[in-house]
Amino acid sequence: QKFEQALEIFEQAERVCHPDPESPVLPDSVAFRAIYFQAFVYASDLNQAQKALEVLFRLDRQCPGQVDYDLACLLSRVGQTQFAINYL
């Protein structure tokens, strides 16, 4: 229920654990989890679904296959069911 505060905490964790945004993120790293949870914070508000998708697509580019299910769920929530099926 504290959307902005949660988002700020996860963004700060990402900056601390992943200071170079150009370097890869490993799926078992704290940075990956911080970015992943940012997506969930955004996804908690359907008005922020596009930002959640951007974050998940970013993770998918860096760690293919790690967020497929979450992408599929969010895509189906925003009505892109055919695209969602590709991630399942």
Protein backbone atom coordinates (compact mmCIF):
# COMPACT_ATOMS: atom_id res chain seq x y z
CA GLN A 1 0.00 0.00 0.00
CA LYS A 2 3.07 2.24 0.04
CA PHE A 3 3.72 2.16 -3.69
CA GLU A 4 6.19 5.05 -3.93
CA GLN A 5 8.16 3.98 -0.87
CA ALA A 6 8.48 0.38 -2.06
CA LEU A 7 9.53 1.50 -5.52
CA GLU A 8 12.16 3.83 -4.08
CA ILE A 9 13.60 1.05 -1.89
CA PHE A 10 13.92 -1.41 -4.79
CA GLU A 11 15.40 1.25 -7.08
CA GLN A 12 17.95 2.13 -4.40
CA ALA A 13 18.82 -1.56 -3.96
CA GLU A 14 19.34 -1.85 -7.71
CA ARG A 15 21.67 1.18 -7.77
CA VAL A 16 23.73 -0.13 -4.85
CA CYS A 17 23.96 -3.71 -6.11
CA HIS A 18 24.21 -2.91 -9.80
CA PRO A 19 25.97 0.44 -10.17
CA ASP A 20 26.69 -0.06 -13.89
CA PRO A 21 23.35 -0.48 -15.72
CA GLU A 22 25.24 -1.50 -18.87
CA SER A 23 26.70 -4.59 -17.22
CA PRO A 24 24.74 -7.86 -17.23
CA VAL A 25 22.50 -8.82 -14.34
CA LEU A 26 22.81 -12.37 -13.09
CA PRO A 27 19.55 -14.14 -12.21
CA ASP A 28 20.73 -15.09 -8.71
CA SER A 29 21.97 -11.59 -7.83
CA VAL A 30 20.46 -9.08 -5.45
CA ALA A 31 20.27 -6.63 -8.35
CA PHE A 32 18.10 -9.04 -10.36
CA ARG A 33 15.73 -9.43 -7.40
CA ALA A 34 15.57 -5.66 -6.85
CA ILE A 35 14.68 -5.07 -10.50
CA TYR A 36 12.24 -7.99 -10.44
CA PHE A 37 10.42 -6.60 -7.42
CA GLN A 38 10.25 -3.16 -9.06
CA ALA A 39 8.20 -4.85 -11.78
CA PHE A 40 5.87 -6.32 -9.16
CA VAL A 41 5.41 -2.94 -7.50
CA TYR A 42 4.47 -1.43 -10.86
CA ALA A 43 2.23 -4.41 -11.69
CA SER A 44 0.31 -3.95 -8.45
CA ASP A 45 -1.30 -0.92 -10.10
CA LEU A 46 -2.80 -1.75 -13.49
CA ASN A 47 -2.22 1.90 -14.51
CA GLN A 48 1.51 1.16 -14.20
CA ALA A 49 1.38 -2.03 -16.27
CA GLN A 50 3.46 -0.54 -19.09
CA LYS A 51 6.28 0.31 -16.68
CA ALA A 52 6.08 -3.21 -15.25
CA LEU A 53 6.36 -4.65 -18.76
CA GLU A 54 9.36 -2.43 -19.51
CA VAL A 55 11.14 -3.70 -16.40
CA LEU A 56 10.32 -7.34 -17.15
CA PHE A 57 11.39 -7.00 -20.79
CA ARG A 58 14.65 -5.48 -19.58
CA LEU A 59 15.25 -8.50 -17.36
CA ASP A 60 14.25 -10.83 -20.18
CA ARG A 61 16.87 -9.28 -22.46
CA GLN A 62 19.58 -9.70 -19.82
CA CYS A 63 18.47 -13.09 -18.46
CA PRO A 64 16.42 -14.86 -21.12
CA GLY A 65 13.85 -17.29 -19.77
CA GLN A 66 13.96 -16.08 -16.16
CA VAL A 67 10.75 -14.01 -16.20
CA ASP A 68 8.75 -15.73 -18.94
CA TYR A 69 5.86 -16.75 -16.69
CA ASP A 70 5.59 -13.28 -15.14
CA LEU A 71 5.64 -11.66 -18.58
CA ALA A 72 2.91 -14.02 -19.74
CA CYS A 73 0.74 -13.21 -16.71
CA LEU A 74 1.13 -9.46 -17.08
CA LEU A 75 0.62 -9.50 -20.84
CA SER A 76 -2.60 -11.45 -20.39
CA ARG A 77 -3.77 -8.93 -17.75
CA VAL A 78 -3.39 -6.10 -20.26
CA GLY A 79 -5.20 -8.02 -22.99
CA GLN A 80 -2.23 -9.19 -25.06
CA THR A 81 -3.10 -12.85 -24.71
CA GLN A 82 -1.59 -14.03 -28.00
CA PHE A 83 1.73 -12.42 -27.12
CA ALA A 84 1.44 -13.87 -23.60
CA ILE A 85 1.09 -17.39 -24.99
CA ASN A 86 4.50 -17.05 -26.62
CA TYR A 87 6.07 -16.65 -23.18
CA LEU A 88 4.38 -19.75 -21.83
